[in-house]
């Protein structure tokens, strides 16, 4: 199976990113070390973290997603709390 890069706009932020996903109802989750080349969009958006963990998110429950370059996070910019 060949992986096709769909050129997600997240790739612009870098190979590894942090995403803060805001859900309906006010809950939010922070996912770090996401390999931006593994993002697959569909009813459930799937992505893989650096440690190999796969995460699936039901898109219909998401209001917005914030994306940060992992190097910016590691250098203290911006400040993110859970």
PDB file of N, CA and C in Angstrom:
ATOM      1  N   UNK A   1       0.837  -1.179   0.000  1.00  0.00           N
ATOM      2  CA  UNK A   1       0.000   0.000   0.000  1.00  0.00           C
ATOM      3  C   UNK A   1       0.882   1.243   0.000  1.00  0.00           C
ATOM      4  N   UNK A   2       0.595   2.184  -0.876  1.00  0.00           N
ATOM      5  CA  UNK A   2       1.364   3.413  -0.984  1.00  0.00           C
ATOM      6  C   UNK A   2       0.636   4.538  -0.267  1.00  0.00           C
ATOM      7  N   UNK A   3       1.346   5.255   0.595  1.00  0.00           N
ATOM      8  CA  UNK A   3       0.765   6.426   1.241  1.00  0.00           C
ATOM      9  C   UNK A   3       0.838   7.607   0.296  1.00  0.00           C
ATOM     10  N   UNK A   4      -0.307   8.229   0.054  1.00  0.00           N
ATOM     11  CA  UNK A   4      -0.370   9.408  -0.792  1.00  0.00           C
ATOM     12  C   UNK A   4      -0.527  10.619   0.108  1.00  0.00           C
ATOM     13  N   UNK A   5       0.365  11.580  -0.026  1.00  0.00           N
ATOM     14  CA  UNK A   5       0.280  12.797   0.755  1.00  0.00           C
ATOM     15  C   UNK A   5      -0.814  13.672   0.152  1.00  0.00           C
ATOM     16  N   UNK A   6      -1.903  13.875   0.891  1.00  0.00           N
ATOM     17  CA  UNK A   6      -3.015  14.681   0.402  1.00  0.00           C
ATOM     18  C   UNK A   6      -2.770  16.173   0.591  1.00  0.00           C
ATOM     19  N   UNK A   7      -1.563  16.509   1.010  1.00  0.00           N
ATOM     20  CA  UNK A   7      -1.139  17.895   1.179  1.00  0.00           C
ATOM     21  C   UNK A   7      -2.083  18.671   2.106  1.00  0.00           C
ATOM     22  N   UNK A   8      -2.357  18.049   3.254  1.00  0.00           N
ATOM     23  CA  UNK A   8      -3.160  18.711   4.276  1.00  0.00           C
ATOM     24  C   UNK A   8      -2.502  20.030   4.645  1.00  0.00           C
ATOM     25  N   UNK A   9      -3.291  21.027   4.938  1.00  0.00           N
ATOM     26  CA  UNK A   9      -2.733  22.327   5.329  1.00  0.00           C
ATOM     27  C   UNK A   9      -1.939  22.211   6.630  1.00  0.00           C
ATOM     28  N   UNK A  10      -2.151  21.150   7.398  1.00  0.00           N
ATOM     29  CA  UNK A  10      -1.382  20.929   8.631  1.00  0.00           C
ATOM     30  C   UNK A  10       0.087  20.686   8.305  1.00  0.00           C
ATOM     31  N   UNK A  11       0.385  20.091   7.143  1.00  0.00           N
ATOM     32  CA  UNK A  11       1.771  19.836   6.737  1.00  0.00           C
ATOM     33  C   UNK A  11       2.601  21.116   6.698  1.00  0.00           C
ATOM     34  N   UNK A  12       1.964  22.229   6.444  1.00  0.00           N
ATOM     35  CA  UNK A  12       2.668  23.517   6.383  1.00  0.00           C
ATOM     36  C   UNK A  12       3.325  23.845   7.723  1.00  0.00           C
ATOM     37  N   UNK A  13       2.707  23.397   8.826  1.00  0.00           N
ATOM     38  CA  UNK A  13       3.230  23.684  10.159  1.00  0.00           C
ATOM     39  C   UNK A  13       4.444  22.845  10.510  1.00  0.00           C
ATOM     40  N   UNK A  14       4.683  21.747   9.784  1.00  0.00           N
ATOM     41  CA  UNK A  14       5.854  20.919  10.046  1.00  0.00           C
ATOM     42  C   UNK A  14       5.516  19.444  10.128  1.00  0.00           C
ATOM     43  N   UNK A  15       6.554  18.618  10.238  1.00  0.00           N
ATOM     44  CA  UNK A  15       6.391  17.159  10.300  1.00  0.00           C
ATOM     45  C   UNK A  15       5.651  16.738  11.562  1.00  0.00           C
ATOM     46  N   UNK A  16       6.031  17.301  12.708  1.00  0.00           N
ATOM     47  CA  UNK A  16       5.371  16.976  13.971  1.00  0.00           C
ATOM     48  C   UNK A  16       4.680  18.207  14.522  1.00  0.00           C
ATOM     49  N   UNK A  17       3.401  18.040  14.898  1.00  0.00           N
ATOM     50  CA  UNK A  17       2.595  19.155  15.372  1.00  0.00           C
ATOM     51  C   UNK A  17       1.862  18.773  16.650  1.00  0.00           C
ATOM     52  N   UNK A  18       1.362  19.788  17.332  1.00  0.00           N
ATOM     53  CA  UNK A  18       0.441  19.618  18.451  1.00  0.00           C
ATOM     54  C   UNK A  18      -0.897  20.163  18.001  1.00  0.00           C
ATOM     55  N   UNK A  19      -1.971  19.422  18.294  1.00  0.00           N
ATOM     56  CA  UNK A  19      -3.316  19.876  17.955  1.00  0.00           C
ATOM     57  C   UNK A  19      -4.147  19.975  19.221  1.00  0.00           C
ATOM     58  N   UNK A  20      -4.871  21.087  19.341  1.00  0.00           N
ATOM     59  CA  UNK A  20      -5.871  21.234  20.396  1.00  0.00           C
ATOM     60  C   UNK A  20      -7.216  21.142  19.693  1.00  0.00           C
ATOM     61  N   UNK A  21      -7.975  20.098  20.009  1.00  0.00           N
ATOM     62  CA  UNK A  21      -9.258  19.866  19.358  1.00  0.00           C
ATOM     63  C   UNK A  21     -10.367  20.307  20.307  1.00  0.00           C
ATOM     64  N   UNK A  22     -11.218  21.233  19.829  1.00  0.00           N
ATOM     65  CA  UNK A  22     -12.342  21.758  20.602  1.00  0.00           C
ATOM     66  C   UNK A  22     -13.611  21.020  20.178  1.00  0.00           C
ATOM     67  N   UNK A  23     -14.264  20.379  21.140  1.00  0.00           N
ATOM     68  CA  UNK A  23     -15.450  19.582  20.860  1.00  0.00           C
ATOM     69  C   UNK A  23     -16.724  20.337  21.227  1.00  0.00           C
ATOM     70  N   UNK A  24     -17.839  19.920  20.603  1.00  0.00           N
ATOM     71  CA  UNK A  24     -19.150  20.441  20.974  1.00  0.00           C
ATOM     72  C   UNK A  24     -19.350  20.150  22.459  1.00  0.00           C
ATOM     73  N   UNK A  25     -19.857  21.130  23.183  1.00  0.00           N
ATOM     74  CA  UNK A  25     -20.061  20.954  24.621  1.00  0.00           C
ATOM     75  C   UNK A  25     -18.958  21.568  25.448  1.00  0.00           C
ATOM     76  N   UNK A  26     -17.917  22.115  24.787  1.00  0.00           N
ATOM     77  CA  UNK A  26     -16.883  22.848  25.501  1.00  0.00           C
ATOM     78  C   UNK A  26     -15.648  22.065  25.891  1.00  0.00           C
ATOM     79  N   UNK A  27     -15.654  20.757  25.720  1.00  0.00           N
ATOM     80  CA  UNK A  27     -14.464  19.974  26.071  1.00  0.00           C
ATOM     81  C   UNK A  27     -13.387  20.163  25.015  1.00  0.00           C
ATOM     82  N   UNK A  28     -12.130  20.125  25.447  1.00  0.00           N
ATOM     83  CA  UNK A  28     -11.021  20.182  24.489  1.00  0.00           C
ATOM     84  C   UNK A  28      -9.938  19.202  24.903  1.00  0.00           C
ATOM     85  N   UNK A  29      -9.234  18.697  23.907  1.00  0.00           N
ATOM     86  CA  UNK A  29      -8.160  17.734  24.126  1.00  0.00           C
ATOM     87  C   UNK A  29      -6.916  18.197  23.385  1.00  0.00           C
ATOM     88  N   UNK A  30      -5.763  18.014  24.018  1.00  0.00           N
ATOM     89  CA  UNK A  30      -4.486  18.354  23.401  1.00  0.00           C
ATOM     90  C   UNK A  30      -3.759  17.068  23.037  1.00  0.00           C
ATOM     91  N   UNK A  31      -3.365  16.958  21.773  1.00  0.00           N
ATOM     92  CA  UNK A  31      -2.593  15.814  21.288  1.00  0.00           C
ATOM     93  C   UNK A  31      -1.249  16.329  20.792  1.00  0.00           C
ATOM     94  N   UNK A  32      -0.172  15.783  21.328  1.00  0.00           N
ATOM     95  CA  UNK A  32       1.177  16.236  20.991  1.00  0.00           C
ATOM     96  C   UNK A  32       1.882  15.211  20.104  1.00  0.00           C
ATOM     97  N   UNK A  33       2.924  15.654  19.428  1.00  0.00           N
ATOM     98  CA  UNK A  33       3.782  14.789  18.610  1.00  0.00           C
ATOM     99  C   UNK A  33       2.999  14.050  17.519  1.00  0.00           C
ATOM    100  N   UNK A  34       2.095  14.746  16.853  1.00  0.00           N
ATOM    101  CA  UNK A  34       1.333  14.161  15.750  1.00  0.00           C
ATOM    102  C   UNK A  34       2.177  14.241  14.487  1.00  0.00           C
ATOM    103  N   UNK A  35       2.312  13.118  13.804  1.00  0.00           N
ATOM    104  CA  UNK A  35       3.010  13.086  12.513  1.00  0.00           C
ATOM    105  C   UNK A  35       2.030  13.600  11.468  1.00  0.00           C
ATOM    106  N   UNK A  36       2.249  14.813  10.984  1.00  0.00           N
ATOM    107  CA  UNK A  36       1.292  15.458  10.080  1.00  0.00           C
ATOM    108  C   UNK A  36       1.136  14.732   8.749  1.00  0.00           C
ATOM    109  N   UNK A  37       2.093  13.876   8.391  1.00  0.00           N
ATOM    110  CA  UNK A  37       1.982  13.137   7.126  1.00  0.00           C
ATOM    111  C   UNK A  37       1.042  11.941   7.241  1.00  0.00           C
ATOM    112  N   UNK A  38       0.577  11.607   8.464  1.00  0.00           N
ATOM    113  CA  UNK A  38      -0.297  10.445   8.652  1.00  0.00           C
ATOM    114  C   UNK A  38      -1.767  10.818   8.748  1.00  0.00           C
ATOM    115  N   UNK A  39      -2.112  12.100   8.656  1.00  0.00           N
ATOM    116  CA  UNK A  39      -3.499  12.531   8.828  1.00  0.00           C
ATOM    117  C   UNK A  39      -4.345  12.043   7.652  1.00  0.00           C
ATOM    118  N   UNK A  40      -5.414  11.313   7.995  1.00  0.00           N
ATOM    119  CA  UNK A  40      -6.351  10.801   6.995  1.00  0.00           C
ATOM    120  C   UNK A  40      -7.730  11.319   7.376  1.00  0.00           C
ATOM    121  N   UNK A  41      -8.352  12.085   6.481  1.00  0.00           N
ATOM    122  CA  UNK A  41      -9.639  12.684   6.792  1.00  0.00           C
ATOM    123  C   UNK A  41     -10.788  11.835   6.274  1.00  0.00           C
ATOM    124  N   UNK A  42     -11.864  11.818   7.030  1.00  0.00           N
ATOM    125  CA  UNK A  42     -13.082  11.094   6.699  1.00  0.00           C
ATOM    126  C   UNK A  42     -14.084  11.363   7.799  1.00  0.00           C
ATOM    127  N   UNK A  43     -15.131  10.527   7.931  1.00  0.00           N
ATOM    128  CA  UNK A  43     -16.070  10.689   9.045  1.00  0.00           C
ATOM    129  C   UNK A  43     -15.310  10.662  10.368  1.00  0.00           C
ATOM    130  N   UNK A  44     -14.320   9.773  10.456  1.00  0.00           N
ATOM    131  CA  UNK A  44     -13.385   9.768  11.574  1.00  0.00           C
ATOM    132  C   UNK A  44     -12.033  10.194  11.021  1.00  0.00           C
ATOM    133  N   UNK A  45     -11.499  11.316  11.489  1.00  0.00           N
ATOM    134  CA  UNK A  45     -10.162  11.723  11.091  1.00  0.00           C
ATOM    135  C   UNK A  45      -9.177  10.905  11.916  1.00  0.00           C
ATOM    136  N   UNK A  46      -8.185  10.333  11.245  1.00  0.00           N
ATOM    137  CA  UNK A  46      -7.200   9.484  11.907  1.00  0.00           C
ATOM    138  C   UNK A  46      -5.819  10.117  11.791  1.00  0.00           C
ATOM    139  N   UNK A  47      -5.020   9.980  12.838  1.00  0.00           N
ATOM    140  CA  UNK A  47      -3.631  10.431  12.776  1.00  0.00           C
ATOM    141  C   UNK A  47      -2.809   9.629  13.770  1.00  0.00           C
ATOM    142  N   UNK A  48      -1.494   9.636  13.531  1.00  0.00           N
ATOM    143  CA  UNK A  48      -0.577   8.841  14.340  1.00  0.00           C
ATOM    144  C   UNK A  48       0.379   9.765  15.088  1.00  0.00           C
ATOM    145  N   UNK A  49       0.644   9.415  16.350  1.00  0.00           N
ATOM    146  CA  UNK A  49       1.620  10.151  17.136  1.00  0.00           C
ATOM    147  C   UNK A  49       2.997   9.531  16.941  1.00  0.00           C
ATOM    148  N   UNK A  50       4.013  10.277  17.367  1.00  0.00           N
ATOM    149  CA  UNK A  50       5.405   9.855  17.201  1.00  0.00           C
ATOM    150  C   UNK A  50       5.668   8.478  17.813  1.00  0.00           C
ATOM    151  N   UNK A  51       4.971   8.148  18.905  1.00  0.00           N
ATOM    152  CA  UNK A  51       5.185   6.861  19.571  1.00  0.00           C
ATOM    153  C   UNK A  51       4.440   5.703  18.907  1.00  0.00           C
ATOM    154  N   UNK A  52       3.735   5.979  17.796  1.00  0.00           N
ATOM    155  CA  UNK A  52       3.036   4.931  17.057  1.00  0.00           C
ATOM    156  C   UNK A  52       1.557   4.810  17.379  1.00  0.00           C
ATOM    157  N   UNK A  53       1.073   5.547  18.373  1.00  0.00           N
ATOM    158  CA  UNK A  53      -0.333   5.508  18.753  1.00  0.00           C
ATOM    159  C   UNK A  53      -1.205   6.137  17.668  1.00  0.00           C
ATOM    160  N   UNK A  54      -2.273   5.432  17.269  1.00  0.00           N
ATOM    161  CA  UNK A  54      -3.246   5.982  16.321  1.00  0.00           C
ATOM    162  C   UNK A  54      -4.404   6.583  17.099  1.00  0.00           C
ATOM    163  N   UNK A  55      -4.879   7.748  16.661  1.00  0.00           N
ATOM    164  CA  UNK A  55      -6.009   8.422  17.287  1.00  0.00           C
ATOM    165  C   UNK A  55      -7.066   8.640  16.209  1.00  0.00           C
ATOM    166  N   UNK A  56      -8.332   8.384  16.556  1.00  0.00           N
ATOM    167  CA  UNK A  56      -9.447   8.624  15.641  1.00  0.00           C
ATOM    168  C   UNK A  56     -10.417   9.599  16.305  1.00  0.00           C
ATOM    169  N   UNK A  57     -10.827  10.624  15.556  1.00  0.00           N
ATOM    170  CA  UNK A  57     -11.714  11.654  16.080  1.00  0.00           C
ATOM    171  C   UNK A  57     -12.942  11.729  15.178  1.00  0.00           C
ATOM    172  N   UNK A  58     -14.137  11.666  15.783  1.00  0.00           N
ATOM    173  CA  UNK A  58     -15.379  11.802  15.036  1.00  0.00           C
ATOM    174  C   UNK A  58     -15.570  13.276  14.671  1.00  0.00           C
ATOM    175  N   UNK A  59     -15.464  13.591  13.391  1.00  0.00           N
ATOM    176  CA  UNK A  59     -15.510  14.980  12.919  1.00  0.00           C
ATOM    177  C   UNK A  59     -16.796  15.711  13.272  1.00  0.00           C
ATOM    178  N   UNK A  60     -17.905  14.995  13.357  1.00  0.00           N
ATOM    179  CA  UNK A  60     -19.180  15.695  13.588  1.00  0.00           C
ATOM    180  C   UNK A  60     -19.260  16.303  14.990  1.00  0.00           C
ATOM    181  N   UNK A  61     -18.359  15.922  15.886  1.00  0.00           N
ATOM    182  CA  UNK A  61     -18.350  16.463  17.248  1.00  0.00           C
ATOM    183  C   UNK A  61     -17.321  17.567  17.451  1.00  0.00           C
ATOM    184  N   UNK A  62     -16.650  17.995  16.368  1.00  0.00           N
ATOM    185  CA  UNK A  62     -15.555  18.961  16.479  1.00  0.00           C
ATOM    186  C   UNK A  62     -16.005  20.348  16.018  1.00  0.00           C
ATOM    187  N   UNK A  63     -15.694  21.358  16.834  1.00  0.00           N
ATOM    188  CA  UNK A  63     -15.970  22.744  16.455  1.00  0.00           C
ATOM    189  C   UNK A  63     -14.789  23.351  15.711  1.00  0.00           C
ATOM    190  N   UNK A  64     -13.570  23.170  16.261  1.00  0.00           N
ATOM    191  CA  UNK A  64     -12.379  23.713  15.600  1.00  0.00           C
ATOM    192  C   UNK A  64     -11.142  22.977  16.106  1.00  0.00           C
ATOM    193  N   UNK A  65     -10.048  23.157  15.370  1.00  0.00           N
ATOM    194  CA  UNK A  65      -8.768  22.536  15.724  1.00  0.00           C
ATOM    195  C   UNK A  65      -7.678  23.591  15.628  1.00  0.00           C
ATOM    196  N   UNK A  66      -6.909  23.740  16.693  1.00  0.00           N
ATOM    197  CA  UNK A  66      -5.740  24.621  16.681  1.00  0.00           C
ATOM    198  C   UNK A  66      -4.517  23.754  16.414  1.00  0.00           C
ATOM    199  N   UNK A  67      -3.593  24.246  15.571  1.00  0.00           N
ATOM    200  CA  UNK A  67      -2.404  23.472  15.205  1.00  0.00           C
ATOM    201  C   UNK A  67      -1.156  24.313  15.453  1.00  0.00           C
ATOM    202  N   UNK A  68      -0.163  23.706  16.120  1.00  0.00           N
ATOM    203  CA  UNK A  68       1.093  24.370  16.420  1.00  0.00           C
ATOM    204  C   UNK A  68       2.246  23.474  16.002  1.00  0.00           C
ATOM    205  N   UNK A  69       3.307  24.063  15.487  1.00  0.00           N
ATOM    206  CA  UNK A  69       4.521  23.328  15.161  1.00  0.00           C
ATOM    207  C   UNK A  69       5.143  22.813  16.449  1.00  0.00           C
ATOM    208  N   UNK A  70       5.552  21.550  16.472  1.00  0.00           N
ATOM    209  CA  UNK A  70       6.098  20.953  17.693  1.00  0.00           C
ATOM    210  C   UNK A  70       7.364  21.664  18.160  1.00  0.00           C
ATOM    211  N   UNK A  71       8.186  22.160  17.250  1.00  0.00           N
ATOM    212  CA  UNK A  71       9.406  22.883  17.637  1.00  0.00           C
ATOM    213  C   UNK A  71       9.066  24.169  18.366  1.00  0.00           C
ATOM    214  N   UNK A  72       7.984  24.851  17.960  1.00  0.00           N
ATOM    215  CA  UNK A  72       7.560  26.065  18.662  1.00  0.00           C
ATOM    216  C   UNK A  72       7.135  25.723  20.092  1.00  0.00           C
ATOM    217  N   UNK A  73       6.449  24.606  20.252  1.00  0.00           N
ATOM    218  CA  UNK A  73       6.001  24.180  21.577  1.00  0.00           C
ATOM    219  C   UNK A  73       7.207  23.863  22.454  1.00  0.00           C
ATOM    220  N   UNK A  74       8.159  23.115  21.905  1.00  0.00           N
ATOM    221  CA  UNK A  74       9.342  22.718  22.674  1.00  0.00           C
ATOM    222  C   UNK A  74      10.192  23.914  23.076  1.00  0.00           C
ATOM    223  N   UNK A  75      10.110  25.005  22.316  1.00  0.00           N
ATOM    224  CA  UNK A  75      10.868  26.214  22.645  1.00  0.00           C
ATOM    225  C   UNK A  75      10.060  27.181  23.506  1.00  0.00           C
ATOM    226  N   UNK A  76       8.873  26.743  23.952  1.00  0.00           N
ATOM    227  CA  UNK A  76       8.083  27.568  24.867  1.00  0.00           C
ATOM    228  C   UNK A  76       7.127  28.510  24.190  1.00  0.00           C
ATOM    229  N   UNK A  77       6.948  28.427  22.885  1.00  0.00           N
ATOM    230  CA  UNK A  77       6.030  29.315  22.177  1.00  0.00           C
ATOM    231  C   UNK A  77       5.079  28.454  21.376  1.00  0.00           C
ATOM    232  N   UNK A  78       3.808  28.528  21.498  1.00  0.00           N
ATOM    233  CA  UNK A  78       3.035  29.232  22.526  1.00  0.00           C
ATOM    234  C   UNK A  78       2.882  28.389  23.779  1.00  0.00           C
ATOM    235  N   UNK A  79       2.313  28.972  24.814  1.00  0.00           N
ATOM    236  CA  UNK A  79       2.098  28.267  26.064  1.00  0.00           C
ATOM    237  C   UNK A  79       0.753  27.540  25.999  1.00  0.00           C
ATOM    238  N   UNK A  80       0.767  26.245  26.239  1.00  0.00           N
ATOM    239  CA  UNK A  80      -0.444  25.447  26.148  1.00  0.00           C
ATOM    240  C   UNK A  80      -0.674  24.737  27.479  1.00  0.00           C
ATOM    241  N   UNK A  81      -1.921  24.805  27.965  1.00  0.00           N
ATOM    242  CA  UNK A  81      -2.293  24.065  29.166  1.00  0.00           C
ATOM    243  C   UNK A  81      -3.402  23.097  28.804  1.00  0.00           C
ATOM    244  N   UNK A  82      -3.497  22.022  29.549  1.00  0.00           N
ATOM    245  CA  UNK A  82      -4.580  21.045  29.325  1.00  0.00           C
ATOM    246  C   UNK A  82      -5.789  21.391  30.156  1.00  0.00           C
TER     247      UNK A  82
END
